[in-house]
mmCIF file of all heavy atoms, coordinates in Angstrom:
data_MODEL
# 
_entry.id   MODEL 
# 
loop_
_atom_site.group_PDB 
_atom_site.id 
_atom_site.type_symbol 
_atom_site.label_atom_id 
_atom_site.label_alt_id 
_atom_site.label_comp_id 
_atom_site.label_asym_id 
_atom_site.label_entity_id 
_atom_site.label_seq_id 
_atom_site.pdbx_PDB_ins_code 
_atom_site.Cartn_x 
_atom_site.Cartn_y 
_atom_site.Cartn_z 
_atom_site.occupancy 
_atom_site.B_iso_or_equiv 
_atom_site.pdbx_formal_charge 
_atom_site.auth_seq_id 
_atom_site.auth_comp_id 
_atom_site.auth_asym_id 
_atom_site.auth_atom_id 
_atom_site.pdbx_PDB_model_num 
ATOM 1   N N   . LEU A 1 1  ? -21.661 12.976 9.065   1.00 0.00 ? 1  LEU A N   1 
ATOM 2   C CA  . LEU A 1 1  ? -21.951 12.162 10.337  1.00 0.00 ? 1  LEU A CA  1 
ATOM 3   C C   . LEU A 1 1  ? -23.431 12.351 10.590  1.00 0.00 ? 1  LEU A C   1 
ATOM 4   O O   . LEU A 1 1  ? -23.841 13.466 10.534  1.00 0.00 ? 1  LEU A O   1 
ATOM 5   C CB  . LEU A 1 1  ? -21.136 12.492 11.498  1.00 0.00 ? 1  LEU A CB  1 
ATOM 6   C CG  . LEU A 1 1  ? -19.593 12.387 11.433  1.00 0.00 ? 1  LEU A CG  1 
ATOM 7   C CD1 . LEU A 1 1  ? -18.919 13.095 12.520  1.00 0.00 ? 1  LEU A CD1 1 
ATOM 8   C CD2 . LEU A 1 1  ? -19.136 10.972 11.266  1.00 0.00 ? 1  LEU A CD2 1 
ATOM 9   N N   . GLY A 1 2  ? -24.079 11.168 10.922  1.00 0.00 ? 2  GLY A N   1 
ATOM 10  C CA  . GLY A 1 2  ? -25.583 11.455 11.222  1.00 0.00 ? 2  GLY A CA  1 
ATOM 11  C C   . GLY A 1 2  ? -26.137 9.952  11.576  1.00 0.00 ? 2  GLY A C   1 
ATOM 12  O O   . GLY A 1 2  ? -25.496 9.032  11.701  1.00 0.00 ? 2  GLY A O   1 
ATOM 13  N N   . PRO A 1 3  ? -27.403 10.048 11.782  1.00 0.00 ? 3  PRO A N   1 
ATOM 14  C CA  . PRO A 1 3  ? -28.172 8.679  12.062  1.00 0.00 ? 3  PRO A CA  1 
ATOM 15  C C   . PRO A 1 3  ? -28.090 7.612  11.083  1.00 0.00 ? 3  PRO A C   1 
ATOM 16  O O   . PRO A 1 3  ? -27.705 7.848  9.916   1.00 0.00 ? 3  PRO A O   1 
ATOM 17  C CB  . PRO A 1 3  ? -29.570 9.163  12.352  1.00 0.00 ? 3  PRO A CB  1 
ATOM 18  C CG  . PRO A 1 3  ? -29.527 10.589 12.440  1.00 0.00 ? 3  PRO A CG  1 
ATOM 19  C CD  . PRO A 1 3  ? -28.360 11.175 11.729  1.00 0.00 ? 3  PRO A CD  1 
ATOM 20  N N   . LYS A 1 4  ? -28.236 6.388  11.433  1.00 0.00 ? 4  LYS A N   1 
ATOM 21  C CA  . LYS A 1 4  ? -28.313 5.259  10.551  1.00 0.00 ? 4  LYS A CA  1 
ATOM 22  C C   . LYS A 1 4  ? -29.300 5.405  9.608   1.00 0.00 ? 4  LYS A C   1 
ATOM 23  O O   . LYS A 1 4  ? -30.419 6.071  9.827   1.00 0.00 ? 4  LYS A O   1 
ATOM 24  C CB  . LYS A 1 4  ? -28.341 3.923  11.184  1.00 0.00 ? 4  LYS A CB  1 
ATOM 25  C CG  . LYS A 1 4  ? -27.227 3.698  12.169  1.00 0.00 ? 4  LYS A CG  1 
ATOM 26  C CD  . LYS A 1 4  ? -27.649 2.342  12.884  1.00 0.00 ? 4  LYS A CD  1 
ATOM 27  C CE  . LYS A 1 4  ? -26.399 2.082  13.837  1.00 0.00 ? 4  LYS A CE  1 
ATOM 28  N NZ  . LYS A 1 4  ? -26.702 0.673  14.595  1.00 0.00 ? 4  LYS A NZ  1 
ATOM 29  N N   . GLY A 1 5  ? -29.199 4.850  8.427   1.00 0.00 ? 5  GLY A N   1 
ATOM 30  C CA  . GLY A 1 5  ? -30.318 4.593  7.398   1.00 0.00 ? 5  GLY A CA  1 
ATOM 31  C C   . GLY A 1 5  ? -30.544 5.952  6.520   1.00 0.00 ? 5  GLY A C   1 
ATOM 32  O O   . GLY A 1 5  ? -31.586 6.054  5.844   1.00 0.00 ? 5  GLY A O   1 
ATOM 33  N N   . THR A 1 6  ? -29.630 6.833  6.439   1.00 0.00 ? 6  THR A N   1 
ATOM 34  C CA  . THR A 1 6  ? -29.799 8.061  5.608   1.00 0.00 ? 6  THR A CA  1 
ATOM 35  C C   . THR A 1 6  ? -29.076 7.897  4.281   1.00 0.00 ? 6  THR A C   1 
ATOM 36  O O   . THR A 1 6  ? -29.016 8.822  3.496   1.00 0.00 ? 6  THR A O   1 
ATOM 37  C CB  . THR A 1 6  ? -29.353 9.267  6.303   1.00 0.00 ? 6  THR A CB  1 
ATOM 38  O OG1 . THR A 1 6  ? -27.935 9.125  6.620   1.00 0.00 ? 6  THR A OG1 1 
ATOM 39  C CG2 . THR A 1 6  ? -30.128 9.591  7.577   1.00 0.00 ? 6  THR A CG2 1 
ATOM 40  N N   . GLY A 1 7  ? -28.531 6.812  3.943   1.00 0.00 ? 7  GLY A N   1 
ATOM 41  C CA  . GLY A 1 7  ? -28.005 6.574  2.638   1.00 0.00 ? 7  GLY A CA  1 
ATOM 42  C C   . GLY A 1 7  ? -26.663 7.216  2.426   1.00 0.00 ? 7  GLY A C   1 
ATOM 43  O O   . GLY A 1 7  ? -26.260 7.641  1.288   1.00 0.00 ? 7  GLY A O   1 
ATOM 44  N N   . LYS A 1 8  ? -25.847 7.394  3.582   1.00 0.00 ? 8  LYS A N   1 
ATOM 45  C CA  . LYS A 1 8  ? -24.565 8.099  3.369   1.00 0.00 ? 8  LYS A CA  1 
ATOM 46  C C   . LYS A 1 8  ? -23.611 7.415  2.592   1.00 0.00 ? 8  LYS A C   1 
ATOM 47  O O   . LYS A 1 8  ? -22.752 8.017  1.801   1.00 0.00 ? 8  LYS A O   1 
ATOM 48  C CB  . LYS A 1 8  ? -23.938 8.226  4.844   1.00 0.00 ? 8  LYS A CB  1 
ATOM 49  C CG  . LYS A 1 8  ? -24.765 9.126  5.856   1.00 0.00 ? 8  LYS A CG  1 
ATOM 50  C CD  . LYS A 1 8  ? -24.025 9.167  7.148   1.00 0.00 ? 8  LYS A CD  1 
ATOM 51  C CE  . LYS A 1 8  ? -24.127 8.040  7.993   1.00 0.00 ? 8  LYS A CE  1 
ATOM 52  N NZ  . LYS A 1 8  ? -25.457 7.702  8.479   1.00 0.00 ? 8  LYS A NZ  1 
ATOM 53  N N   . SER A 1 9  ? -23.592 5.971  2.507   1.00 0.00 ? 9  SER A N   1 
ATOM 54  C CA  . SER A 1 9  ? -22.632 5.403  1.796   1.00 0.00 ? 9  SER A CA  1 
ATOM 55  C C   . SER A 1 9  ? -23.029 4.889  0.350   1.00 0.00 ? 9  SER A C   1 
ATOM 56  O O   . SER A 1 9  ? -22.247 4.372  -0.383  1.00 0.00 ? 9  SER A O   1 
ATOM 57  C CB  . SER A 1 9  ? -22.131 4.172  2.502   1.00 0.00 ? 9  SER A CB  1 
ATOM 58  O OG  . SER A 1 9  ? -23.141 3.233  2.725   1.00 0.00 ? 9  SER A OG  1 
ATOM 59  N N   . HIS A 1 10 ? -24.291 5.111  0.006   1.00 0.00 ? 10 HIS A N   1 
ATOM 60  C CA  . HIS A 1 10 ? -24.991 4.491  -1.129  1.00 0.00 ? 10 HIS A CA  1 
ATOM 61  C C   . HIS A 1 10 ? -24.250 5.005  -2.442  1.00 0.00 ? 10 HIS A C   1 
ATOM 62  O O   . HIS A 1 10 ? -23.844 4.366  -3.313  1.00 0.00 ? 10 HIS A O   1 
ATOM 63  C CB  . HIS A 1 10 ? -26.381 4.839  -1.282  1.00 0.00 ? 10 HIS A CB  1 
ATOM 64  C CG  . HIS A 1 10 ? -27.005 4.525  -2.493  1.00 0.00 ? 10 HIS A CG  1 
ATOM 65  N ND1 . HIS A 1 10 ? -27.242 3.355  -3.105  1.00 0.00 ? 10 HIS A ND1 1 
ATOM 66  C CD2 . HIS A 1 10 ? -27.343 5.508  -3.579  1.00 0.00 ? 10 HIS A CD2 1 
ATOM 67  C CE1 . HIS A 1 10 ? -27.900 3.430  -4.327  1.00 0.00 ? 10 HIS A CE1 1 
ATOM 68  N NE2 . HIS A 1 10 ? -27.799 4.671  -4.651  1.00 0.00 ? 10 HIS A NE2 1 
ATOM 69  N N   . ILE A 1 11 ? -23.989 6.411  -2.425  1.00 0.00 ? 11 ILE A N   1 
ATOM 70  C CA  . ILE A 1 11 ? -23.463 6.958  -3.707  1.00 0.00 ? 11 ILE A CA  1 
ATOM 71  C C   . ILE A 1 11 ? -22.017 6.459  -3.939  1.00 0.00 ? 11 ILE A C   1 
ATOM 72  O O   . ILE A 1 11 ? -21.636 6.239  -5.059  1.00 0.00 ? 11 ILE A O   1 
ATOM 73  C CB  . ILE A 1 11 ? -23.526 8.520  -3.527  1.00 0.00 ? 11 ILE A CB  1 
ATOM 74  C CG1 . ILE A 1 11 ? -24.922 9.049  -3.981  1.00 0.00 ? 11 ILE A CG1 1 
ATOM 75  C CG2 . ILE A 1 11 ? -22.480 9.160  -4.495  1.00 0.00 ? 11 ILE A CG2 1 
ATOM 76  C CD1 . ILE A 1 11 ? -25.019 10.454 -3.774  1.00 0.00 ? 11 ILE A CD1 1 
ATOM 77  N N   . PHE A 1 12 ? -21.316 6.231  -2.884  1.00 0.00 ? 12 PHE A N   1 
ATOM 78  C CA  . PHE A 1 12 ? -19.923 5.892  -2.961  1.00 0.00 ? 12 PHE A CA  1 
ATOM 79  C C   . PHE A 1 12 ? -19.739 4.476  -3.264  1.00 0.00 ? 12 PHE A C   1 
ATOM 80  O O   . PHE A 1 12 ? -18.687 3.905  -3.652  1.00 0.00 ? 12 PHE A O   1 
ATOM 81  C CB  . PHE A 1 12 ? -19.079 6.266  -1.753  1.00 0.00 ? 12 PHE A CB  1 
ATOM 82  C CG  . PHE A 1 12 ? -19.337 7.750  -1.414  1.00 0.00 ? 12 PHE A CG  1 
ATOM 83  C CD1 . PHE A 1 12 ? -20.082 8.089  -0.350  1.00 0.00 ? 12 PHE A CD1 1 
ATOM 84  C CD2 . PHE A 1 12 ? -18.954 8.692  -2.211  1.00 0.00 ? 12 PHE A CD2 1 
ATOM 85  C CE1 . PHE A 1 12 ? -20.406 9.534  0.004   1.00 0.00 ? 12 PHE A CE1 1 
ATOM 86  C CE2 . PHE A 1 12 ? -19.099 10.097 -1.900  1.00 0.00 ? 12 PHE A CE2 1 
ATOM 87  C CZ  . PHE A 1 12 ? -19.848 10.457 -0.720  1.00 0.00 ? 12 PHE A CZ  1 
ATOM 88  N N   . SER A 1 13 ? -20.726 3.626  -3.115  1.00 0.00 ? 13 SER A N   1 
ATOM 89  C CA  . SER A 1 13 ? -20.665 2.199  -3.301  1.00 0.00 ? 13 SER A CA  1 
ATOM 90  C C   . SER A 1 13 ? -21.272 1.758  -4.724  1.00 0.00 ? 13 SER A C   1 
ATOM 91  O O   . SER A 1 13 ? -20.724 0.844  -5.319  1.00 0.00 ? 13 SER A O   1 
ATOM 92  C CB  . SER A 1 13 ? -21.315 1.406  -2.227  1.00 0.00 ? 13 SER A CB  1 
ATOM 93  O OG  . SER A 1 13 ? -22.672 1.595  -2.202  1.00 0.00 ? 13 SER A OG  1 
ATOM 94  N N   . GLU A 1 14 ? -22.226 2.508  -5.037  1.00 0.00 ? 14 GLU A N   1 
ATOM 95  C CA  . GLU A 1 14 ? -23.059 2.130  -6.271  1.00 0.00 ? 14 GLU A CA  1 
ATOM 96  C C   . GLU A 1 14 ? -23.146 3.222  -7.433  1.00 0.00 ? 14 GLU A C   1 
ATOM 97  O O   . GLU A 1 14 ? -23.622 2.868  -8.420  1.00 0.00 ? 14 GLU A O   1 
ATOM 98  C CB  . GLU A 1 14 ? -24.400 1.743  -5.811  1.00 0.00 ? 14 GLU A CB  1 
ATOM 99  C CG  . GLU A 1 14 ? -24.417 0.619  -4.716  1.00 0.00 ? 14 GLU A CG  1 
ATOM 100 C CD  . GLU A 1 14 ? -25.542 -0.434 -4.923  1.00 0.00 ? 14 GLU A CD  1 
ATOM 101 O OE1 . GLU A 1 14 ? -26.470 -0.104 -5.645  1.00 0.00 ? 14 GLU A OE1 1 
ATOM 102 O OE2 . GLU A 1 14 ? -25.465 -1.514 -4.359  1.00 0.00 ? 14 GLU A OE2 1 
ATOM 103 N N   . PHE A 1 15 ? -22.830 4.428  -7.027  1.00 0.00 ? 15 PHE A N   1 
ATOM 104 C CA  . PHE A 1 15 ? -23.196 5.425  -8.061  1.00 0.00 ? 15 PHE A CA  1 
ATOM 105 C C   . PHE A 1 15 ? -22.149 5.576  -9.236  1.00 0.00 ? 15 PHE A C   1 
ATOM 106 O O   . PHE A 1 15 ? -22.477 5.821  -10.315 1.00 0.00 ? 15 PHE A O   1 
ATOM 107 C CB  . PHE A 1 15 ? -23.225 6.838  -7.414  1.00 0.00 ? 15 PHE A CB  1 
ATOM 108 C CG  . PHE A 1 15 ? -23.514 7.876  -8.448  1.00 0.00 ? 15 PHE A CG  1 
ATOM 109 C CD1 . PHE A 1 15 ? -24.752 8.118  -8.831  1.00 0.00 ? 15 PHE A CD1 1 
ATOM 110 C CD2 . PHE A 1 15 ? -22.536 8.783  -8.808  1.00 0.00 ? 15 PHE A CD2 1 
ATOM 111 C CE1 . PHE A 1 15 ? -25.164 9.166  -9.677  1.00 0.00 ? 15 PHE A CE1 1 
ATOM 112 C CE2 . PHE A 1 15 ? -22.831 9.808  -9.743  1.00 0.00 ? 15 PHE A CE2 1 
ATOM 113 C CZ  . PHE A 1 15 ? -24.163 9.903  -10.128 1.00 0.00 ? 15 PHE A CZ  1 
ATOM 114 N N   . SER A 1 16 ? -20.839 5.271  -8.958  1.00 0.00 ? 16 SER A N   1 
ATOM 115 C CA  . SER A 1 16 ? -19.891 5.518  -9.932  1.00 0.00 ? 16 SER A CA  1 
ATOM 116 C C   . SER A 1 16 ? -18.827 4.344  -9.870  1.00 0.00 ? 16 SER A C   1 
ATOM 117 O O   . SER A 1 16 ? -18.402 3.941  -8.928  1.00 0.00 ? 16 SER A O   1 
ATOM 118 C CB  . SER A 1 16 ? -19.124 6.780  -9.678  1.00 0.00 ? 16 SER A CB  1 
ATOM 119 O OG  . SER A 1 16 ? -18.051 6.987  -10.652 1.00 0.00 ? 16 SER A OG  1 
ATOM 120 N N   . PRO A 1 17 ? -18.252 3.945  -11.095 1.00 0.00 ? 17 PRO A N   1 
ATOM 121 C CA  . PRO A 1 17 ? -17.157 3.059  -11.244 1.00 0.00 ? 17 PRO A CA  1 
ATOM 122 C C   . PRO A 1 17 ? -15.890 3.645  -10.886 1.00 0.00 ? 17 PRO A C   1 
ATOM 123 O O   . PRO A 1 17 ? -14.885 3.125  -10.860 1.00 0.00 ? 17 PRO A O   1 
ATOM 124 C CB  . PRO A 1 17 ? -17.204 2.614  -12.618 1.00 0.00 ? 17 PRO A CB  1 
ATOM 125 C CG  . PRO A 1 17 ? -17.829 3.647  -13.421 1.00 0.00 ? 17 PRO A CG  1 
ATOM 126 C CD  . PRO A 1 17 ? -18.843 4.299  -12.410 1.00 0.00 ? 17 PRO A CD  1 
ATOM 127 N N   . HIS A 1 18 ? -15.882 4.944  -10.506 1.00 0.00 ? 18 HIS A N   1 
ATOM 128 C CA  . HIS A 1 18 ? -14.639 5.617  -10.119 1.00 0.00 ? 18 HIS A CA  1 
ATOM 129 C C   . HIS A 1 18 ? -14.503 5.879  -8.782  1.00 0.00 ? 18 HIS A C   1 
ATOM 130 O O   . HIS A 1 18 ? -13.515 6.524  -8.196  1.00 0.00 ? 18 HIS A O   1 
ATOM 131 C CB  . HIS A 1 18 ? -14.477 6.999  -10.907 1.00 0.00 ? 18 HIS A CB  1 
ATOM 132 C CG  . HIS A 1 18 ? -14.629 6.955  -12.435 1.00 0.00 ? 18 HIS A CG  1 
ATOM 133 N ND1 . HIS A 1 18 ? -13.758 6.223  -13.121 1.00 0.00 ? 18 HIS A ND1 1 
ATOM 134 C CD2 . HIS A 1 18 ? -15.595 7.580  -13.278 1.00 0.00 ? 18 HIS A CD2 1 
ATOM 135 C CE1 . HIS A 1 18 ? -14.148 6.384  -14.411 1.00 0.00 ? 18 HIS A CE1 1 
ATOM 136 N NE2 . HIS A 1 18 ? -15.322 7.066  -14.517 1.00 0.00 ? 18 HIS A NE2 1 
ATOM 137 N N   . GLY A 1 19 ? -15.458 5.305  -7.920  1.00 0.00 ? 19 GLY A N   1 
ATOM 138 C CA  . GLY A 1 19 ? -15.244 5.483  -6.449  1.00 0.00 ? 19 GLY A CA  1 
ATOM 139 C C   . GLY A 1 19 ? -15.148 4.157  -5.831  1.00 0.00 ? 19 GLY A C   1 
ATOM 140 O O   . GLY A 1 19 ? -15.669 3.095  -6.344  1.00 0.00 ? 19 GLY A O   1 
ATOM 141 N N   . MET A 1 20 ? -14.484 4.124  -4.656  1.00 0.00 ? 20 MET A N   1 
ATOM 142 C CA  . MET A 1 20 ? -14.148 2.909  -3.829  1.00 0.00 ? 20 MET A CA  1 
ATOM 143 C C   . MET A 1 20 ? -14.615 3.128  -2.486  1.00 0.00 ? 20 MET A C   1 
ATOM 144 O O   . MET A 1 20 ? -14.161 4.157  -1.839  1.00 0.00 ? 20 MET A O   1 
ATOM 145 C CB  . MET A 1 20 ? -12.680 2.516  -3.925  1.00 0.00 ? 20 MET A CB  1 
ATOM 146 C CG  . MET A 1 20 ? -12.191 1.657  -3.007  1.00 0.00 ? 20 MET A CG  1 
ATOM 147 S SD  . MET A 1 20 ? -12.798 -0.064 -3.209  1.00 0.00 ? 20 MET A SD  1 
ATOM 148 C CE  . MET A 1 20 ? -12.098 -0.542 -4.658  1.00 0.00 ? 20 MET A CE  1 
ATOM 149 N N   . LEU A 1 21 ? -15.479 2.229  -2.017  1.00 0.00 ? 21 LEU A N   1 
ATOM 150 C CA  . LEU A 1 21 ? -15.944 2.377  -0.672  1.00 0.00 ? 21 LEU A CA  1 
ATOM 151 C C   . LEU A 1 21 ? -15.248 1.180  0.217   1.00 0.00 ? 21 LEU A C   1 
ATOM 152 O O   . LEU A 1 21 ? -15.336 0.069  -0.180  1.00 0.00 ? 21 LEU A O   1 
ATOM 153 C CB  . LEU A 1 21 ? -17.479 2.081  -0.589  1.00 0.00 ? 21 LEU A CB  1 
ATOM 154 C CG  . LEU A 1 21 ? -18.125 2.251  0.832   1.00 0.00 ? 21 LEU A CG  1 
ATOM 155 C CD1 . LEU A 1 21 ? -18.086 3.726  1.395   1.00 0.00 ? 21 LEU A CD1 1 
ATOM 156 C CD2 . LEU A 1 21 ? -19.502 1.665  0.749   1.00 0.00 ? 21 LEU A CD2 1 
ATOM 157 N N   . ILE A 1 22 ? -14.705 1.585  1.227   1.00 0.00 ? 22 ILE A N   1 
ATOM 158 C CA  . ILE A 1 22 ? -14.006 0.602  2.034   1.00 0.00 ? 22 ILE A CA  1 
ATOM 159 C C   . ILE A 1 22 ? -14.371 0.839  3.572   1.00 0.00 ? 22 ILE A C   1 
ATOM 160 O O   . ILE A 1 22 ? -14.806 2.041  3.891   1.00 0.00 ? 22 ILE A O   1 
ATOM 161 C CB  . ILE A 1 22 ? -12.497 0.779  2.043   1.00 0.00 ? 22 ILE A CB  1 
ATOM 162 C CG1 . ILE A 1 22 ? -11.979 2.104  2.278   1.00 0.00 ? 22 ILE A CG1 1 
ATOM 163 C CG2 . ILE A 1 22 ? -11.975 0.363  0.715   1.00 0.00 ? 22 ILE A CG2 1 
ATOM 164 C CD1 . ILE A 1 22 ? -10.430 2.347  2.308   1.00 0.00 ? 22 ILE A CD1 1 
ATOM 165 N N   . SER A 1 23 ? -14.291 -0.189 4.363   1.00 0.00 ? 23 SER A N   1 
ATOM 166 C CA  . SER A 1 23 ? -14.573 0.018  5.792   1.00 0.00 ? 23 SER A CA  1 
ATOM 167 C C   . SER A 1 23 ? -13.347 0.797  6.439   1.00 0.00 ? 23 SER A C   1 
ATOM 168 O O   . SER A 1 23 ? -12.378 0.514  6.193   1.00 0.00 ? 23 SER A O   1 
ATOM 169 C CB  . SER A 1 23 ? -14.863 -1.368 6.374   1.00 0.00 ? 23 SER A CB  1 
ATOM 170 O OG  . SER A 1 23 ? -14.872 -1.280 7.816   1.00 0.00 ? 23 SER A OG  1 
ATOM 171 N N   . GLY A 1 24 ? -13.951 1.708  7.285   1.00 0.00 ? 24 GLY A N   1 
ATOM 172 C CA  . GLY A 1 24 ? -12.930 2.465  7.970   1.00 0.00 ? 24 GLY A CA  1 
ATOM 173 C C   . GLY A 1 24 ? -11.858 1.789  8.817   1.00 0.00 ? 24 GLY A C   1 
ATOM 174 O O   . GLY A 1 24 ? -10.703 2.217  8.929   1.00 0.00 ? 24 GLY A O   1 
ATOM 175 N N   . GLY A 1 25 ? -12.307 0.665  9.223   1.00 0.00 ? 25 GLY A N   1 
ATOM 176 C CA  . GLY A 1 25 ? -11.382 -0.171 10.153  1.00 0.00 ? 25 GLY A CA  1 
ATOM 177 C C   . GLY A 1 25 ? -10.423 -1.028 9.301   1.00 0.00 ? 25 GLY A C   1 
ATOM 178 O O   . GLY A 1 25 ? -9.555  -1.706 9.955   1.00 0.00 ? 25 GLY A O   1 
ATOM 179 N N   . GLU A 1 26 ? -10.756 -1.150 8.147   1.00 0.00 ? 26 GLU A N   1 
ATOM 180 C CA  . GLU A 1 26 ? -9.947  -2.225 7.244   1.00 0.00 ? 26 GLU A CA  1 
ATOM 181 C C   . GLU A 1 26 ? -8.684  -1.609 6.405   1.00 0.00 ? 26 GLU A C   1 
ATOM 182 O O   . GLU A 1 26 ? -8.089  -2.323 5.731   1.00 0.00 ? 26 GLU A O   1 
ATOM 183 C CB  . GLU A 1 26 ? -10.862 -2.958 6.324   1.00 0.00 ? 26 GLU A CB  1 
ATOM 184 C CG  . GLU A 1 26 ? -11.976 -3.743 7.067   1.00 0.00 ? 26 GLU A CG  1 
ATOM 185 C CD  . GLU A 1 26 ? -12.829 -4.377 6.012   1.00 0.00 ? 26 GLU A CD  1 
ATOM 186 O OE1 . GLU A 1 26 ? -12.652 -4.082 4.771   1.00 0.00 ? 26 GLU A OE1 1 
ATOM 187 O OE2 . GLU A 1 26 ? -13.797 -5.176 6.404   1.00 0.00 ? 26 GLU A OE2 1 
ATOM 188 N N   . VAL A 1 27 ? -8.587  -0.275 6.532   1.00 0.00 ? 27 VAL A N   1 
ATOM 189 C CA  . VAL A 1 27 ? -7.682  0.326  5.591   1.00 0.00 ? 27 VAL A CA  1 
ATOM 190 C C   . VAL A 1 27 ? -6.225  0.462  6.252   1.00 0.00 ? 27 VAL A C   1 
ATOM 191 O O   . VAL A 1 27 ? -6.256  0.629  7.617   1.00 0.00 ? 27 VAL A O   1 
ATOM 192 C CB  . VAL A 1 27 ? -8.055  1.792  5.218   1.00 0.00 ? 27 VAL A CB  1 
ATOM 193 C CG1 . VAL A 1 27 ? -8.100  2.803  6.303   1.00 0.00 ? 27 VAL A CG1 1 
ATOM 194 C CG2 . VAL A 1 27 ? -7.215  2.325  4.083   1.00 0.00 ? 27 VAL A CG2 1 
ATOM 195 N N   . THR A 1 28 ? -5.206  0.388  5.672   1.00 0.00 ? 28 THR A N   1 
ATOM 196 C CA  . THR A 1 28 ? -3.824  0.481  6.130   1.00 0.00 ? 28 THR A CA  1 
ATOM 197 C C   . THR A 1 28 ? -3.087  1.437  5.228   1.00 0.00 ? 28 THR A C   1 
ATOM 198 O O   . THR A 1 28 ? -3.508  1.808  4.172   1.00 0.00 ? 28 THR A O   1 
ATOM 199 C CB  . THR A 1 28 ? -3.068  -0.944 6.089   1.00 0.00 ? 28 THR A CB  1 
ATOM 200 O OG1 . THR A 1 28 ? -2.933  -1.326 4.770   1.00 0.00 ? 28 THR A OG1 1 
ATOM 201 C CG2 . THR A 1 28 ? -3.849  -1.902 6.961   1.00 0.00 ? 28 THR A CG2 1 
# 
């Protein structure tokens, strides 16, 4: 958790084909 713009989600969206990034409000 931290301020905007620190690249928190970058690694999980673009670094590896083994990771899946989803919006916290869209998961069931």
